C-alpha atoms as a PDB file:
ATOM      1  CA  MET A   1    -101.241 -32.015 -91.847  1.00  0.00           C
ATOM      2  CA  ASN A   2     -98.393 -31.718 -94.855  1.00  0.00           C
ATOM      3  CA  ILE A   3     -96.089 -29.652 -92.385  1.00  0.00           C
ATOM      4  CA  LEU A   4     -96.742 -32.608 -89.800  1.00  0.00           C
ATOM      5  CA  ILE A   5     -95.557 -35.164 -92.223  1.00  0.00           C
ATOM      6  CA  SER A   6     -92.527 -33.522 -93.544  1.00  0.00           C
ATOM      7  CA  THR A   7     -91.187 -32.664 -89.861  1.00  0.00           C
ATOM      8  CA  THR A   8     -91.689 -36.333 -89.028  1.00  0.00           C
ATOM      9  CA  ILE A   9     -89.657 -37.597 -91.932  1.00  0.00           C
ATOM     10  CA  GLY A  10     -86.814 -34.844 -91.582  1.00  0.00           C
ATOM     11  CA  VAL A  11     -86.698 -35.986 -88.099  1.00  0.00           C
ATOM     12  CA  PHE A  12     -86.421 -39.769 -89.012  1.00  0.00           C
ATOM     13  CA  THR A  13     -83.933 -39.313 -91.635  1.00  0.00           C
ATOM     14  CA  GLY A  14     -82.150 -37.317 -89.195  1.00  0.00           C
ATOM     15  CA  ILE A  15     -81.809 -39.536 -86.863  1.00  0.00           C
ATOM     16  CA  VAL A  16     -80.971 -42.823 -89.209  1.00  0.00           C
ATOM     17  CA  THR A  17     -78.197 -40.571 -90.792  1.00  0.00           C
ATOM     18  CA  THR A  18     -77.015 -39.829 -87.299  1.00  0.00           C
ATOM     19  CA  ILE A  19     -76.973 -43.987 -86.580  1.00  0.00           C
ATOM     20  CA  LEU A  20     -75.556 -44.369 -89.983  1.00  0.00           C
ATOM     21  CA  ILE A  21     -72.568 -42.016 -89.492  1.00  0.00           C
ATOM     22  CA  TRP A  22     -71.628 -43.420 -85.965  1.00  0.00           C
ATOM     23  CA  VAL A  23     -72.230 -46.878 -87.259  1.00  0.00           C
ATOM     24  CA  ILE A  24     -69.581 -46.053 -90.026  1.00  0.00           C
ATOM     25  CA  VAL A  25     -67.112 -43.894 -87.821  1.00  0.00           C
ATOM     26  CA  SER A  26     -67.291 -46.789 -85.115  1.00  0.00           C
ATOM     27  CA  ILE A  27     -66.142 -49.387 -87.914  1.00  0.00           C
ATOM     28  CA  PHE A  28     -63.812 -46.755 -89.111  1.00  0.00           C
ATOM     29  CA  LYS A  29     -61.866 -46.394 -85.722  1.00  0.00           C
ATOM     30  CA  LYS A  30     -62.106 -50.239 -84.738  1.00  0.00           C
ATOM     31  CA  SER A  31     -61.450 -52.034 -87.799  1.00  0.00           C
ATOM     32  CA  LEU A  32     -60.112 -49.841 -90.551  1.00  0.00           C
ATOM     33  CA  ILE A  33     -57.829 -47.756 -88.738  1.00  0.00           C
ATOM     34  CA  PRO A  34     -56.292 -50.660 -86.473  1.00  0.00           C
ATOM     35  CA  TRP A  35     -55.440 -52.585 -90.054  1.00  0.00           C
ATOM     36  CA  TYR A  36     -53.700 -49.986 -91.607  1.00  0.00           C
ATOM     37  CA  GLN A  37     -51.384 -49.474 -88.627  1.00  0.00           C
ATOM     38  CA  THR A  38     -50.736 -53.236 -88.759  1.00  0.00           C
ATOM     39  CA  THR A  39     -49.947 -53.400 -92.386  1.00  0.00           C
ATOM     40  CA  ILE A  40     -47.617 -50.165 -92.614  1.00  0.00           C
ATOM     41  CA  TYR A  41     -46.020 -51.053 -89.121  1.00  0.00           C
ATOM     42  CA  ARG A  42     -42.649 -51.754 -89.753  1.00  0.00           C
ATOM     43  CA  GLY A  43     -41.243 -52.261 -86.076  1.00  0.00           C
ATOM     44  CA  ILE A  44     -40.971 -54.752 -84.273  1.00  0.00           C
ATOM     45  CA  ASP A  45     -43.590 -57.847 -83.618  1.00  0.00           C
ATOM     46  CA  ILE A  46     -43.654 -58.252 -79.608  1.00  0.00           C
ATOM     47  CA  GLU A  47     -47.326 -59.455 -79.024  1.00  0.00           C
ATOM     48  CA  ASP A  48     -47.156 -62.727 -76.747  1.00  0.00           C
ATOM     49  CA  ASP A  49     -46.749 -63.692 -73.432  1.00  0.00           C
ATOM     50  CA  TRP A  50     -43.875 -62.309 -71.224  1.00  0.00           C
ATOM     51  CA  GLU A  51     -42.377 -63.528 -67.972  1.00  0.00           C
ATOM     52  CA  GLY A  52     -39.963 -62.628 -65.311  1.00  0.00           C
ATOM     53  CA  THR A  53     -38.700 -62.015 -61.743  1.00  0.00           C
ATOM     54  CA  SER A  54     -36.658 -59.272 -59.732  1.00  0.00           C
ATOM     55  CA  LYS A  55     -35.441 -59.264 -56.343  1.00  0.00           C
ATOM     56  CA  MET A  56     -35.523 -56.184 -54.073  1.00  0.00           C
ATOM     57  CA  ASN A  57     -36.384 -55.408 -50.605  1.00  0.00           C
ATOM     58  CA  ASN A  58     -35.967 -58.826 -49.309  1.00  0.00           C
ATOM     59  CA  SER A  59     -39.138 -59.832 -51.475  1.00  0.00           C
ATOM     60  CA  THR A  60     -39.068 -61.504 -55.079  1.00  0.00           C
ATOM     61  CA  TYR A  61     -41.443 -60.023 -57.585  1.00  0.00           C
ATOM     62  CA  GLU A  62     -42.734 -62.352 -60.301  1.00  0.00           C
ATOM     63  CA  TYR A  63     -44.067 -60.920 -63.492  1.00  0.00           C
ATOM     64  CA  GLN A  64     -46.328 -62.031 -66.267  1.00  0.00           C
ATOM     65  CA  LEU A  65     -47.115 -59.489 -69.019  1.00  0.00           C
ATOM     66  CA  SER A  66     -49.578 -60.613 -71.956  1.00  0.00           C
ATOM     67  CA  ILE A  67     -49.337 -58.082 -74.851  1.00  0.00           C
ATOM     68  CA  LYS A  68     -51.685 -57.464 -77.693  1.00  0.00           C
ATOM     69  CA  GLN A  69     -50.087 -55.334 -80.354  1.00  0.00           C
ATOM     70  CA  LYS A  70     -51.767 -53.200 -83.263  1.00  0.00           C
ATOM     71  CA  GLY A  71     -48.804 -51.174 -85.142  1.00  0.00           C
ATOM     72  CA  HIS A  72     -47.010 -49.436 -82.594  1.00  0.00           C
ATOM     73  CA  LEU A  73     -50.079 -49.319 -79.966  1.00  0.00           C
ATOM     74  CA  ILE A  74     -50.335 -52.386 -77.054  1.00  0.00           C
ATOM     75  CA  GLU A  75     -52.713 -53.666 -74.587  1.00  0.00           C
ATOM     76  CA  GLY A  76     -53.052 -55.904 -72.106  1.00  0.00           C
ATOM     77  CA  ARG A  77     -52.654 -57.670 -68.802  1.00  0.00           C
ATOM     78  CA  LEU A  78     -49.809 -57.511 -66.301  1.00  0.00           C
ATOM     79  CA  PHE A  79     -49.623 -59.949 -63.459  1.00  0.00           C
ATOM     80  CA  ILE A  80     -47.621 -59.399 -60.175  1.00  0.00           C
ATOM     81  CA  LYS A  81     -46.750 -61.799 -57.505  1.00  0.00           C
ATOM     82  CA  SER A  82     -45.054 -60.658 -54.810  1.00  0.00           C
ATOM     83  CA  ILE A  83     -43.323 -63.113 -52.375  1.00  0.00           C
ATOM     84  CA  HIS A  84     -41.999 -61.825 -49.048  1.00  0.00           C
ATOM     85  CA  LEU A  85     -39.562 -63.706 -46.760  1.00  0.00           C
ATOM     86  CA  THR A  86     -42.108 -64.645 -44.528  1.00  0.00           C
ATOM     87  CA  ASN A  87     -43.615 -66.343 -47.715  1.00  0.00           C
ATOM     88  CA  GLU A  88     -46.490 -64.222 -47.634  1.00  0.00           C
ATOM     89  CA  CYS A  89     -47.953 -63.847 -51.414  1.00  0.00           C
ATOM     90  CA  GLN A  90     -49.935 -61.237 -53.046  1.00  0.00           C
ATOM     91  CA  SER A  91     -51.193 -61.305 -56.604  1.00  0.00           C
ATOM     92  CA  SER A  92     -52.386 -58.269 -58.546  1.00  0.00           C
ATOM     93  CA  VAL A  93     -53.581 -57.921 -61.756  1.00  0.00           C
ATOM     94  CA  TYR A  94     -53.478 -54.794 -63.979  1.00  0.00           C
ATOM     95  CA  ASN A  95     -54.709 -53.750 -66.810  1.00  0.00           C
ATOM     96  CA  PHE A  96     -52.294 -51.875 -69.393  1.00  0.00           C
ATOM     97  CA  ASN A  97     -51.609 -50.009 -72.804  1.00  0.00           C
ATOM     98  CA  GLY A  98     -48.555 -48.280 -74.427  1.00  0.00           C
ATOM     99  CA  MET A  99     -46.648 -48.055 -77.138  1.00  0.00           C
ATOM    100  CA  VAL A 100     -43.653 -49.220 -78.477  1.00  0.00           C
ATOM    101  CA  THR A 101     -41.169 -46.470 -79.908  1.00  0.00           C
ATOM    102  CA  GLU A 102     -37.259 -46.429 -80.744  1.00  0.00           C
ATOM    103  CA  GLY A 103     -36.566 -49.773 -79.216  1.00  0.00           C
ATOM    104  CA  PHE A 104     -38.730 -49.047 -76.360  1.00  0.00           C
ATOM    105  CA  LEU A 105     -42.074 -49.991 -74.561  1.00  0.00           C
ATOM    106  CA  SER A 106     -43.559 -47.142 -72.504  1.00  0.00           C
ATOM    107  CA  ILE A 107     -46.286 -48.933 -70.307  1.00  0.00           C
ATOM    108  CA  GLN A 108     -49.012 -47.020 -68.238  1.00  0.00           C
ATOM    109  CA  TYR A 109     -50.652 -49.595 -66.011  1.00  0.00           C
ATOM    110  CA  SER A 110     -53.860 -49.123 -63.581  1.00  0.00           C
ATOM    111  CA  SER A 111     -55.944 -52.240 -61.211  1.00  0.00           C
ATOM    112  CA  ALA A 112     -57.999 -54.454 -63.040  1.00  0.00           C
ATOM    113  CA  ASN A 113     -59.706 -54.360 -59.722  1.00  0.00           C
ATOM    114  CA  LYS A 114     -62.509 -51.926 -59.510  1.00  0.00           C
ATOM    115  CA  LYS A 115     -62.557 -52.271 -55.727  1.00  0.00           C
ATOM    116  CA  ALA A 116     -58.479 -51.926 -55.470  1.00  0.00           C
ATOM    117  CA  ILE A 117     -56.047 -48.930 -55.891  1.00  0.00           C
ATOM    118  CA  GLY A 118     -53.084 -49.725 -58.006  1.00  0.00           C
ATOM    119  CA  LEU A 119     -50.995 -48.133 -60.584  1.00  0.00           C
ATOM    120  CA  GLY A 120     -47.791 -47.481 -62.131  1.00  0.00           C
ATOM    121  CA  SER A 121     -45.389 -47.318 -65.311  1.00  0.00           C
ATOM    122  CA  LEU A 122     -42.968 -49.387 -67.165  1.00  0.00           C
ATOM    123  CA  LEU A 123     -40.095 -48.498 -69.509  1.00  0.00           C
ATOM    124  CA  LEU A 124     -38.985 -51.528 -71.097  1.00  0.00           C
ATOM    125  CA  LYS A 125     -35.844 -52.065 -73.812  1.00  0.00           C
ATOM    126  CA  ILE A 126     -36.477 -54.836 -76.397  1.00  0.00           C
ATOM    127  CA  THR A 127     -33.341 -56.868 -76.123  1.00  0.00           C
ATOM    128  CA  ASN A 128     -31.712 -60.440 -77.398  1.00  0.00           C
ATOM    129  CA  GLN A 129     -33.284 -59.978 -81.001  1.00  0.00           C
ATOM    130  CA  GLY A 130     -36.835 -59.379 -79.543  1.00  0.00           C
ATOM    131  CA  ASN A 131     -36.589 -62.310 -76.860  1.00  0.00           C
ATOM    132  CA  SER A 132     -36.103 -59.815 -73.784  1.00  0.00           C
ATOM    133  CA  LEU A 133     -37.682 -56.605 -72.402  1.00  0.00           C
ATOM    134  CA  GLU A 134     -35.142 -55.034 -69.721  1.00  0.00           C
ATOM    135  CA  GLY A 135     -35.693 -51.906 -67.608  1.00  0.00           C
ATOM    136  CA  GLY A 136     -37.874 -50.480 -64.893  1.00  0.00           C
ATOM    137  CA  MET A 137     -40.694 -49.304 -63.070  1.00  0.00           C
ATOM    138  CA  VAL A 138     -42.174 -46.653 -61.046  1.00  0.00           C
ATOM    139  CA  TYR A 139     -45.062 -47.793 -59.122  1.00  0.00           C
ATOM    140  CA  MET A 140     -47.522 -46.848 -56.008  1.00  0.00           C
ATOM    141  CA  GLU A 141     -46.682 -49.550 -53.521  1.00  0.00           C
ATOM    142  CA  ILE A 142     -50.522 -51.064 -52.493  1.00  0.00           C
ATOM    143  CA  ASN A 143     -50.164 -51.274 -49.078  1.00  0.00           C
ATOM    144  CA  THR A 144     -48.440 -47.607 -48.046  1.00  0.00           C
ATOM    145  CA  THR A 145     -49.146 -46.061 -51.244  1.00  0.00           C
ATOM    146  CA  ARG A 146     -45.753 -44.772 -51.364  1.00  0.00           C
ATOM    147  CA  ILE A 147     -44.539 -44.373 -54.558  1.00  0.00           C
ATOM    148  CA  ASP A 148     -41.509 -46.575 -55.338  1.00  0.00           C
ATOM    149  CA  THR A 149     -38.937 -48.110 -58.041  1.00  0.00           C
ATOM    150  CA  ASP A 150     -37.969 -51.275 -59.563  1.00  0.00           C
ATOM    151  CA  ASN A 151     -35.188 -51.132 -61.842  1.00  0.00           C
ATOM    152  CA  ASP A 152     -33.689 -54.422 -62.481  1.00  0.00           C
ATOM    153  CA  ILE A 153     -36.661 -56.560 -64.237  1.00  0.00           C
ATOM    154  CA  THR A 154     -36.151 -58.693 -67.096  1.00  0.00           C
ATOM    155  CA  LEU A 155     -38.692 -60.468 -68.868  1.00  0.00           C
ATOM    156  CA  ASN A 156     -38.466 -63.389 -71.647  1.00  0.00           C
ATOM    157  CA  ARG A 157     -40.657 -64.510 -74.173  1.00  0.00           C
ATOM    158  CA  LYS A 158     -42.505 -67.533 -72.997  1.00  0.00           C
ATOM    159  CA  ASN A 159     -43.162 -68.946 -76.218  1.00  0.00           C
ATOM    160  CA  LYS A 160     -39.850 -68.649 -77.833  1.00  0.00           C
END
């Protein structure tokens, strides 16, 4: 009987210890590390809503970028609306993550809709005293799945 009780207590304390360690690690990763990175980060704050347009292949593209920033790491949503000569419109929503380094944003995005395809990358330079982002993107064209580029994107802070 003592062996059964000792084994049960040992298993129970092992499970409780594992759960406690998992909770502590989760708090550390989700709260303390981002707080520390934000505290020591000395770069530019780009957390905001951004918007802009570009023209390519007889179409106009409207971009809206909503950036959340923790230190040098960024994440958020990208909305792209394409308006073609026939006034046909297509809108797509993407989730992204990336980083701010040496005055540039490096962003990788993929479709927020699990039933749709779409992915790409943006490389944007921070300009105009932190109020504009200029650069380009490489992306998979949704209808043809062809790889394409847009090299003339300018986004401005929505709330200057």
